[in-house]
Amino acid sequence: MRDIFRLLLLPLQAPMLLVLMGVSTYLGMHWSRAMDVTESQMHGLTTLIWSAECLQALLIVVVCTMPDLMLRQVSMLMAASRVVSLVVTLLAVTVGGLYLLHLNVLANVLILGSAVLLARLDLLRVRVVPPPLVLAAVLTLLVLGGANFGRMIVR
């Protein structure tokens, strides 16, 4: 019973979780407004865009929640072979270049990433340290739930 009460008070102890929910709600509203332009033309394209935005949010949360695990795996892959090192470097440069060409997408990535990192730091401050996969799952549910809430507000 005490653990349930502590979980209910967690947003008051770690207010950056509420900020993360607000940021994800705002981004969900923003993503839905971008899809309204094409909604009259193609309905299938809007679901594809929404899926891509949710996948991007999922990747941001995973990378920001488990950076040491991700970097360790990537560095082990790059140390294995020069070809793998070249492919990973070219992939990172290409994806980074695509994001720099569309600066509004890069801004969304930076805003969501910093909100996730702040929420993670706030959880560390109140000494709530679940395993990395559990934390990634909880923050993913929070971000995608907020984005869906923002999408429902716009409609």
C-alpha atoms as a PDB file:
ATOM      1  CA  MET A   1       0.000   0.000   0.000  1.00  0.00           C
ATOM      2  CA  ARG A   2       2.849   2.341   0.824  1.00  0.00           C
ATOM      3  CA  ASP A   3       4.506   1.683  -2.564  1.00  0.00           C
ATOM      4  CA  ILE A   4       1.297   2.552  -4.415  1.00  0.00           C
ATOM      5  CA  PHE A   5       0.993   5.793  -2.439  1.00  0.00           C
ATOM      6  CA  ARG A   6       4.628   6.619  -3.258  1.00  0.00           C
ATOM      7  CA  LEU A   7       3.994   6.031  -6.970  1.00  0.00           C
ATOM      8  CA  LEU A   8       0.942   8.304  -6.867  1.00  0.00           C
ATOM      9  CA  LEU A   9       3.031  11.077  -5.314  1.00  0.00           C
ATOM     10  CA  LEU A  10       5.893  10.602  -7.797  1.00  0.00           C
ATOM     11  CA  PRO A  11       4.759  13.392 -10.188  1.00  0.00           C
ATOM     12  CA  LEU A  12       4.770  15.797  -7.240  1.00  0.00           C
ATOM     13  CA  GLN A  13       8.249  14.701  -6.150  1.00  0.00           C
ATOM     14  CA  ALA A  14       9.654  14.658  -9.691  1.00  0.00           C
ATOM     15  CA  PRO A  15       7.863  17.482 -11.530  1.00  0.00           C
ATOM     16  CA  MET A  16       9.889  16.971 -14.705  1.00  0.00           C
ATOM     17  CA  LEU A  17       7.626  13.977 -15.396  1.00  0.00           C
ATOM     18  CA  LEU A  18       4.758  16.456 -15.717  1.00  0.00           C
ATOM     19  CA  VAL A  19       6.919  18.630 -17.977  1.00  0.00           C
ATOM     20  CA  LEU A  20       7.682  15.567 -20.126  1.00  0.00           C
ATOM     21  CA  MET A  21       3.960  14.831 -20.361  1.00  0.00           C
ATOM     22  CA  GLY A  22       3.280  18.442 -21.350  1.00  0.00           C
ATOM     23  CA  VAL A  23       6.031  18.447 -23.973  1.00  0.00           C
ATOM     24  CA  SER A  24       4.806  15.184 -25.475  1.00  0.00           C
ATOM     25  CA  THR A  25       1.214  16.484 -25.504  1.00  0.00           C
ATOM     26  CA  TYR A  26       2.333  19.637 -27.295  1.00  0.00           C
ATOM     27  CA  LEU A  27       4.337  17.618 -29.818  1.00  0.00           C
ATOM     28  CA  GLY A  28       1.334  15.351 -30.413  1.00  0.00           C
ATOM     29  CA  MET A  29      -0.764  18.430 -31.156  1.00  0.00           C
ATOM     30  CA  HIS A  30       1.971  19.763 -33.442  1.00  0.00           C
ATOM     31  CA  TRP A  31       2.287  16.456 -35.332  1.00  0.00           C
ATOM     32  CA  SER A  32      -1.493  16.289 -35.795  1.00  0.00           C
ATOM     33  CA  ARG A  33      -1.646  19.812 -37.209  1.00  0.00           C
ATOM     34  CA  ALA A  34       1.032  18.905 -39.737  1.00  0.00           C
ATOM     35  CA  MET A  35      -1.086  15.935 -40.822  1.00  0.00           C
ATOM     36  CA  ASP A  36      -4.317  17.947 -41.267  1.00  0.00           C
ATOM     37  CA  VAL A  37      -2.976  19.502 -44.453  1.00  0.00           C
ATOM     38  CA  THR A  38      -2.680  16.132 -46.172  1.00  0.00           C
ATOM     39  CA  GLU A  39      -5.727  14.540 -44.535  1.00  0.00           C
ATOM     40  CA  SER A  40      -8.062  15.735 -47.271  1.00  0.00           C
ATOM     41  CA  GLN A  41      -5.796  14.184 -49.910  1.00  0.00           C
ATOM     42  CA  MET A  42      -4.708  10.799 -48.523  1.00  0.00           C
ATOM     43  CA  HIS A  43      -5.831   9.081 -45.338  1.00  0.00           C
ATOM     44  CA  GLY A  44      -3.216   6.309 -45.544  1.00  0.00           C
ATOM     45  CA  LEU A  45      -0.397   8.816 -45.599  1.00  0.00           C
ATOM     46  CA  THR A  46      -1.483  10.371 -42.305  1.00  0.00           C
ATOM     47  CA  THR A  47      -1.274   7.023 -40.489  1.00  0.00           C
ATOM     48  CA  LEU A  48       2.163   6.459 -41.996  1.00  0.00           C
ATOM     49  CA  ILE A  49       3.334   9.897 -40.823  1.00  0.00           C
ATOM     50  CA  TRP A  50       1.890   9.331 -37.344  1.00  0.00           C
ATOM     51  CA  SER A  51       3.625   5.933 -37.140  1.00  0.00           C
ATOM     52  CA  ALA A  52       6.929   7.502 -38.180  1.00  0.00           C
ATOM     53  CA  GLU A  53       6.593  10.217 -35.542  1.00  0.00           C
ATOM     54  CA  CYS A  54       5.804   7.624 -32.854  1.00  0.00           C
ATOM     55  CA  LEU A  55       8.782   5.509 -33.943  1.00  0.00           C
ATOM     56  CA  GLN A  56      10.999   8.589 -33.776  1.00  0.00           C
ATOM     57  CA  ALA A  57       9.737   9.351 -30.252  1.00  0.00           C
ATOM     58  CA  LEU A  58      10.370   5.731 -29.231  1.00  0.00           C
ATOM     59  CA  LEU A  59      13.948   5.886 -30.519  1.00  0.00           C
ATOM     60  CA  ILE A  60      14.578   9.181 -28.731  1.00  0.00           C
ATOM     61  CA  VAL A  61      13.361   7.738 -25.430  1.00  0.00           C
ATOM     62  CA  VAL A  62      15.433   4.563 -25.799  1.00  0.00           C
ATOM     63  CA  VAL A  63      18.608   6.446 -26.731  1.00  0.00           C
ATOM     64  CA  CYS A  64      18.147   9.010 -23.931  1.00  0.00           C
ATOM     65  CA  THR A  65      17.267   6.375 -21.338  1.00  0.00           C
ATOM     66  CA  MET A  66      20.038   3.870 -22.055  1.00  0.00           C
ATOM     67  CA  PRO A  67      22.916   5.854 -23.632  1.00  0.00           C
ATOM     68  CA  ASP A  68      25.705   3.807 -22.053  1.00  0.00           C
ATOM     69  CA  LEU A  69      24.197   0.508 -23.201  1.00  0.00           C
ATOM     70  CA  MET A  70      23.594   1.818 -26.729  1.00  0.00           C
ATOM     71  CA  LEU A  71      27.065   3.332 -27.066  1.00  0.00           C
ATOM     72  CA  ARG A  72      28.714   0.178 -25.747  1.00  0.00           C
ATOM     73  CA  GLN A  73      26.928  -1.979 -28.331  1.00  0.00           C
ATOM     74  CA  VAL A  74      27.673   0.426 -31.197  1.00  0.00           C
ATOM     75  CA  SER A  75      31.346   0.749 -30.227  1.00  0.00           C
ATOM     76  CA  MET A  76      31.690  -3.038 -30.025  1.00  0.00           C
ATOM     77  CA  LEU A  77      30.208  -3.311 -33.517  1.00  0.00           C
ATOM     78  CA  MET A  78      32.513  -0.624 -34.850  1.00  0.00           C
ATOM     79  CA  ALA A  79      35.568  -2.265 -33.275  1.00  0.00           C
ATOM     80  CA  ALA A  80      34.709  -5.572 -34.929  1.00  0.00           C
ATOM     81  CA  SER A  81      35.373  -4.478 -38.487  1.00  0.00           C
ATOM     82  CA  ARG A  82      36.382  -1.502 -40.598  1.00  0.00           C
ATOM     83  CA  VAL A  83      33.432  -2.120 -42.893  1.00  0.00           C
ATOM     84  CA  VAL A  84      30.979  -1.970 -39.998  1.00  0.00           C
ATOM     85  CA  SER A  85      32.709   1.169 -38.754  1.00  0.00           C
ATOM     86  CA  LEU A  86      32.344   2.777 -42.188  1.00  0.00           C
ATOM     87  CA  VAL A  87      28.686   1.770 -42.507  1.00  0.00           C
ATOM     88  CA  VAL A  88      27.798   3.071 -39.026  1.00  0.00           C
ATOM     89  CA  THR A  89      29.626   6.347 -39.641  1.00  0.00           C
ATOM     90  CA  LEU A  90      27.980   6.872 -43.033  1.00  0.00           C
ATOM     91  CA  LEU A  91      24.576   6.034 -41.589  1.00  0.00           C
ATOM     92  CA  ALA A  92      25.040   8.493 -38.723  1.00  0.00           C
ATOM     93  CA  VAL A  93      26.229  11.269 -41.062  1.00  0.00           C
ATOM     94  CA  THR A  94      23.391  10.657 -43.532  1.00  0.00           C
ATOM     95  CA  VAL A  95      20.670  10.613 -40.892  1.00  0.00           C
ATOM     96  CA  GLY A  96      22.203  13.651 -39.180  1.00  0.00           C
ATOM     97  CA  GLY A  97      22.303  15.475 -42.525  1.00  0.00           C
ATOM     98  CA  LEU A  98      18.669  14.661 -43.206  1.00  0.00           C
ATOM     99  CA  TYR A  99      17.698  16.060 -39.820  1.00  0.00           C
ATOM    100  CA  LEU A 100      19.743  19.198 -40.445  1.00  0.00           C
ATOM    101  CA  LEU A 101      17.960  19.708 -43.774  1.00  0.00           C
ATOM    102  CA  HIS A 102      14.639  19.736 -41.928  1.00  0.00           C
ATOM    103  CA  LEU A 103      15.453  21.875 -38.901  1.00  0.00           C
ATOM    104  CA  ASN A 104      11.927  21.742 -37.485  1.00  0.00           C
ATOM    105  CA  VAL A 105      12.284  17.947 -37.141  1.00  0.00           C
ATOM    106  CA  LEU A 106      15.670  18.418 -35.470  1.00  0.00           C
ATOM    107  CA  ALA A 107      14.112  20.925 -33.079  1.00  0.00           C
ATOM    108  CA  ASN A 108      11.415  18.402 -32.115  1.00  0.00           C
ATOM    109  CA  VAL A 109      14.084  15.749 -31.504  1.00  0.00           C
ATOM    110  CA  LEU A 110      16.139  18.095 -29.331  1.00  0.00           C
ATOM    111  CA  ILE A 111      13.123  19.272 -27.329  1.00  0.00           C
ATOM    112  CA  LEU A 112      11.846  15.756 -26.662  1.00  0.00           C
ATOM    113  CA  GLY A 113      15.332  14.432 -25.920  1.00  0.00           C
ATOM    114  CA  SER A 114      16.067  17.170 -23.408  1.00  0.00           C
ATOM    115  CA  ALA A 115      12.684  16.646 -21.722  1.00  0.00           C
ATOM    116  CA  VAL A 116      13.390  12.911 -21.395  1.00  0.00           C
ATOM    117  CA  LEU A 117      16.853  13.565 -19.985  1.00  0.00           C
ATOM    118  CA  LEU A 118      15.466  16.083 -17.487  1.00  0.00           C
ATOM    119  CA  ALA A 119      12.800  13.615 -16.357  1.00  0.00           C
ATOM    120  CA  ARG A 120      15.452  10.921 -15.967  1.00  0.00           C
ATOM    121  CA  LEU A 121      17.633  13.308 -13.947  1.00  0.00           C
ATOM    122  CA  ASP A 122      14.681  14.263 -11.757  1.00  0.00           C
ATOM    123  CA  LEU A 123      13.945  10.586 -11.067  1.00  0.00           C
ATOM    124  CA  LEU A 124      17.568  10.124 -10.024  1.00  0.00           C
ATOM    125  CA  ARG A 125      17.229  13.107  -7.708  1.00  0.00           C
ATOM    126  CA  VAL A 126      14.374  11.466  -5.796  1.00  0.00           C
ATOM    127  CA  ARG A 127      16.256   8.140  -5.836  1.00  0.00           C
ATOM    128  CA  VAL A 128      13.859   6.250  -8.093  1.00  0.00           C
ATOM    129  CA  VAL A 129      16.180   4.104 -10.180  1.00  0.00           C
ATOM    130  CA  PRO A 130      14.395   1.242 -11.959  1.00  0.00           C
ATOM    131  CA  PRO A 131      16.292  -1.016 -14.391  1.00  0.00           C
ATOM    132  CA  PRO A 132      17.004   0.679 -17.741  1.00  0.00           C
ATOM    133  CA  LEU A 133      14.487  -1.374 -19.736  1.00  0.00           C
ATOM    134  CA  VAL A 134      11.713  -0.669 -17.238  1.00  0.00           C
ATOM    135  CA  LEU A 135      12.526   3.037 -17.223  1.00  0.00           C
ATOM    136  CA  ALA A 136      12.577   3.090 -21.031  1.00  0.00           C
ATOM    137  CA  ALA A 137       9.200   1.337 -21.151  1.00  0.00           C
ATOM    138  CA  VAL A 138       7.624   3.702 -18.601  1.00  0.00           C
ATOM    139  CA  LEU A 139       8.966   6.845 -20.274  1.00  0.00           C
ATOM    140  CA  THR A 140       7.892   5.513 -23.687  1.00  0.00           C
ATOM    141  CA  LEU A 141       4.364   4.962 -22.389  1.00  0.00           C
ATOM    142  CA  LEU A 142       4.378   8.463 -20.909  1.00  0.00           C
ATOM    143  CA  VAL A 143       5.618  10.096 -24.127  1.00  0.00           C
ATOM    144  CA  LEU A 144       3.370   8.153 -26.503  1.00  0.00           C
ATOM    145  CA  GLY A 145       0.406   8.595 -24.167  1.00  0.00           C
ATOM    146  CA  GLY A 146       0.977  12.344 -24.088  1.00  0.00           C
ATOM    147  CA  ALA A 147       1.349  12.474 -27.868  1.00  0.00           C
ATOM    148  CA  ASN A 148      -1.909  10.555 -28.331  1.00  0.00           C
ATOM    149  CA  PHE A 149      -3.610  12.881 -25.838  1.00  0.00           C
ATOM    150  CA  GLY A 150      -2.388  15.869 -27.848  1.00  0.00           C
ATOM    151  CA  ARG A 151      -3.634  14.245 -31.038  1.00  0.00           C
ATOM    152  CA  MET A 152      -7.078  13.721 -29.479  1.00  0.00           C
ATOM    153  CA  ILE A 153      -7.214  17.362 -28.338  1.00  0.00           C
ATOM    154  CA  VAL A 154      -6.637  18.640 -31.875  1.00  0.00           C
ATOM    155  CA  ARG A 155      -9.285  16.398 -33.418  1.00  0.00           C
END
